């Protein structure tokens, strides 16, 4: 008997950039005693060919997502080839179809998004340009409820 497994697409360049920035954000969030974390995130993002405004928009997506979830995002180690559940969820959030009105549901986001988070996602897409546009849009097979699963607090 041959078992069939779902084939998952490999991570795209846009996804790698977002994951790298999310991992850096999570690390600096926990250890930013001197208040230079955002400027270091911008420096990293620029080395990945993102404009400063786009990097700040992505940082807003990360912060607002944490506020909506009521917990910190959990990222894998910087050298890991695996993606954490939260990393996959942020990628899914950036690649999902947005609701036409804030707070309304879509097949991708059945619980809807608060207006501030929806605007942050739209801003990140617009300001990051080609990098975020290379994140594949979700298919109906990918939409199976909220992408964020509870994770232990860091």
Protein backbone atom coordinates (compact mmCIF):
# COMPACT_ATOMS: atom_id res chain seq x y z
CA UNK A 1 0.00 0.00 0.00
CA UNK A 2 1.37 3.41 -0.98
CA UNK A 3 0.53 6.36 1.22
CA UNK A 4 -0.11 9.64 -0.51
CA UNK A 5 0.96 12.83 1.22
CA UNK A 6 0.07 16.36 0.33
CA UNK A 7 2.89 18.01 -1.57
CA UNK A 8 3.75 21.37 -0.10
CA UNK A 9 5.27 24.01 -2.30
CA UNK A 10 8.79 25.11 -1.53
CA UNK A 11 9.30 28.43 0.15
CA UNK A 12 9.49 31.36 -2.28
CA UNK A 13 11.97 34.25 -2.16
CA UNK A 14 9.28 36.57 -0.81
CA UNK A 15 8.44 34.11 1.92
CA UNK A 16 12.13 33.78 2.87
CA UNK A 17 12.44 37.54 3.22
CA UNK A 18 9.32 37.79 5.40
CA UNK A 19 10.44 34.87 7.58
CA UNK A 20 13.92 36.33 7.98
CA UNK A 21 12.47 39.68 9.05
CA UNK A 22 9.97 38.00 11.39
CA UNK A 23 12.75 36.00 13.04
CA UNK A 24 14.82 39.13 13.46
CA UNK A 25 11.78 41.00 14.82
CA UNK A 26 11.13 38.26 17.39
CA UNK A 27 14.75 38.28 18.49
CA UNK A 28 14.99 42.06 18.79
CA UNK A 29 11.60 42.32 20.48
CA UNK A 30 12.89 40.25 23.35
CA UNK A 31 16.29 41.96 23.66
CA UNK A 32 15.84 45.58 22.52
CA UNK A 33 16.93 47.39 25.65
CA UNK A 34 18.56 50.27 23.80
CA UNK A 35 15.61 51.03 21.49
CA UNK A 36 17.52 50.43 18.24
CA UNK A 37 15.65 47.28 17.21
CA UNK A 38 13.53 48.89 14.51
CA UNK A 39 16.53 50.60 12.91
CA UNK A 40 18.37 47.25 12.87
CA UNK A 41 15.29 45.62 11.29
CA UNK A 42 15.28 48.35 8.63
CA UNK A 43 19.00 47.79 7.96
CA UNK A 44 18.42 44.05 7.53
CA UNK A 45 15.41 44.68 5.29
CA UNK A 46 17.36 47.06 3.10
CA UNK A 47 20.05 44.40 2.64
CA UNK A 48 17.20 42.17 1.39
CA UNK A 49 16.19 44.89 -1.10
CA UNK A 50 13.11 46.18 0.70
CA UNK A 51 12.39 49.91 1.10
CA UNK A 52 12.40 51.29 4.66
CA UNK A 53 8.68 52.13 4.53
CA UNK A 54 7.86 48.53 3.56
CA UNK A 55 9.96 47.14 6.40
CA UNK A 56 8.19 49.38 8.89
CA UNK A 57 4.82 48.28 7.45
CA UNK A 58 5.84 44.63 7.96
CA UNK A 59 6.92 45.40 11.54
CA UNK A 60 3.44 46.90 12.04
CA UNK A 61 1.87 43.69 10.71
CA UNK A 62 3.92 41.70 13.24
CA UNK A 63 3.03 44.02 16.14
CA UNK A 64 -0.67 44.24 15.30
CA UNK A 65 -0.89 40.48 14.81
CA UNK A 66 0.54 40.01 18.30
CA UNK A 67 -1.95 42.52 19.69
CA UNK A 68 -4.89 40.77 18.01
CA UNK A 69 -3.72 37.33 19.16
CA UNK A 70 -2.96 38.54 22.66
CA UNK A 71 0.38 36.76 22.62
CA UNK A 72 3.83 37.03 21.08
CA UNK A 73 4.55 35.49 17.71
CA UNK A 74 6.83 32.46 17.90
CA UNK A 75 9.60 32.07 15.32
CA UNK A 76 12.04 29.27 14.67
CA UNK A 77 15.76 29.69 15.27
CA UNK A 78 17.45 31.96 12.72
CA UNK A 79 19.29 29.04 11.10
CA UNK A 80 16.34 26.62 10.98
CA UNK A 81 15.06 25.42 7.62
CA UNK A 82 11.67 24.65 9.16
CA UNK A 83 8.91 27.21 9.57
CA UNK A 84 7.04 27.68 12.84
CA UNK A 85 3.26 27.72 12.83
CA UNK A 86 3.28 31.48 13.33
CA UNK A 87 5.74 31.99 10.45
CA UNK A 88 3.48 29.98 8.13
CA UNK A 89 0.47 31.93 9.42
CA UNK A 90 2.07 35.34 8.75
CA UNK A 91 2.95 34.21 5.22
CA UNK A 92 -0.62 33.01 4.79
CA UNK A 93 -1.94 36.32 6.13
CA UNK A 94 0.17 38.31 3.65
CA UNK A 95 -0.92 36.06 0.77
CA UNK A 96 -4.62 35.95 1.59
CA UNK A 97 -7.44 37.77 -0.11
CA UNK A 98 -8.40 40.73 2.02
CA UNK A 99 -11.97 41.43 3.06
CA UNK A 100 -13.73 44.19 1.18
CA UNK A 101 -14.65 45.83 4.51
CA UNK A 102 -12.58 45.69 7.72
CA UNK A 103 -13.92 43.18 10.21
CA UNK A 104 -15.75 41.10 7.60
CA UNK A 105 -14.96 37.51 6.80
CA UNK A 106 -13.54 35.90 3.68
CA UNK A 107 -12.96 32.23 2.90
CA UNK A 108 -9.26 32.85 3.69
CA UNK A 109 -9.93 34.69 6.96
CA UNK A 110 -13.25 33.39 8.28
CA UNK A 111 -13.15 35.49 11.47
CA UNK A 112 -12.31 38.73 9.66
CA UNK A 113 -9.51 41.16 10.49
CA UNK A 114 -9.60 44.29 12.61
CA UNK A 115 -9.29 47.38 10.44
CA UNK A 116 -5.80 48.33 11.63
CA UNK A 117 -4.36 44.89 10.82
CA UNK A 118 -6.10 44.77 7.43
CA UNK A 119 -4.66 48.18 6.57
CA UNK A 120 -1.19 47.13 7.76
CA UNK A 121 -1.29 44.04 5.53
CA UNK A 122 -2.43 46.10 2.54
CA UNK A 123 0.26 48.72 3.25
CA UNK A 124 2.98 46.07 3.56
CA UNK A 125 1.94 44.58 0.23
CA UNK A 126 1.97 47.95 -1.48
CA UNK A 127 5.19 49.27 0.11
CA UNK A 128 7.22 46.05 -0.21
CA UNK A 129 6.42 45.77 -3.88
CA UNK A 130 7.67 42.78 -5.78
CA UNK A 131 9.04 40.88 -2.76
CA UNK A 132 5.67 40.44 -1.04
CA UNK A 133 3.87 40.02 -4.37
CA UNK A 134 5.96 36.87 -4.91
CA UNK A 135 4.18 35.25 -1.96
CA UNK A 136 1.70 32.86 -3.55
CA UNK A 137 -1.92 33.73 -3.07
CA UNK A 138 -3.90 31.19 -1.13
CA UNK A 139 -6.01 28.61 -2.88
CA UNK A 140 -9.31 27.34 -1.56
CA UNK A 141 -7.45 24.20 -0.39
CA UNK A 142 -5.30 26.33 1.92
CA UNK A 143 -8.22 28.07 3.63
CA UNK A 144 -9.12 25.99 6.65
CA UNK A 145 -9.84 28.47 9.40
CA UNK A 146 -7.55 30.73 11.36
CA UNK A 147 -3.91 30.15 10.43
CA UNK A 148 -2.66 31.02 13.92
CA UNK A 149 -2.60 28.15 16.36
CA UNK A 150 -1.96 28.74 20.02
CA UNK A 151 1.74 28.67 20.83
CA UNK A 152 3.47 28.82 24.18
CA UNK A 153 4.35 32.27 25.45
CA UNK A 154 7.99 33.19 25.07
